[in-house]
Amino acid sequence: MADGAIEQTVQIERVNRVGWIVLNRPGQINAINPALRLEVTQALEQLDSDPEMGVIVIRGAGERGFCAGADIKAQSDATSLPTLRAGMTPGWIEALDRVRKPVIAAIHGFCLGGGLEIAMACDMRIAAPSAVFGLPETSLGLIPGGGGTQRLPRIVGLGRALDLLLTGERIDAAEAHRIGLVSRLATASDHLIDEVQVLAERIAAKPASALAYVKEAARDGLEMDLRAGLKLEKDLFVLLMSTDDRREAAAAFKEKRQPVFTGR
């Protein structure tokens, strides 16, 4: 599956039309340090601009987890306000907001702190039964700094989010699925990668413009009032009506054949 590496802390793998970003610090449960932040951003930009890739998946290397959050040693070495701000803005987790292609988090083992913030910034979260989720920052005298206080309430609701944020308690994959933090569970931990690949290929087979616009409508519309969101949806719908891929989809349906999309 391997395609290559940008640098040591992140690997890129390409399988059919699915680009995998692998957080590659397994000895530290893929904890986030400055190099990983930079390389994830570069990997996202590289795959989002690659016309051969239809979907991006982020996963963690090793058996212990997706990502255990911030590398405490790296964080403790950066205590000045300018250094901390430089590590947080711009282009880190926010880079996921700029990606037009669908992004899936494939989660196993520990998914804590900044690791959960990465996952929440993705469009879909698929978890292995082994996954464990939590935002422990208040126990460290902090609050989440990568979007956790904003994305979690939008995903699971304010009350449940504050329960997790204030207590710092961990929840298992079944509970995360029950409250809507993850959208799907893999049938078994060792099936996660294969099942996510199948799902991602199914999504990647659709017209790229339709995927980008439906993502834009849902994500941007969430920040608008209903009237503005409906207008955005209508405008994007009209744009898609004139595309070659929309016409090809209609023709293939009538002719009972598989469509051949060109990205136009």
Foldseek 3Di string as FASTA:
>chain_A
DFDAQPDQQWGWDDDQQEIEIERHPVVQQSADAQVSQVRVLVSLVVSLPDPRHQEYEYAYDDQAWRYQYHDVVRVVVQDDPVSVVVSQDDRGLCSLVVRLHAYEYQIAHEQEQVSLLSRLSGPAYEYEQRYKYAYQVVVVVGFRRNCLQPSVCVQQNDVVSCVRRVVRDMDTPVVCCVSRVHVYYDPHPVCRVVVVVVVSVVSSLAQSLVSSLVVCLVVVLVVDPPVVSVVSNVVSVVVVVPDPRVVQVVVCVVVVHRGDDDND
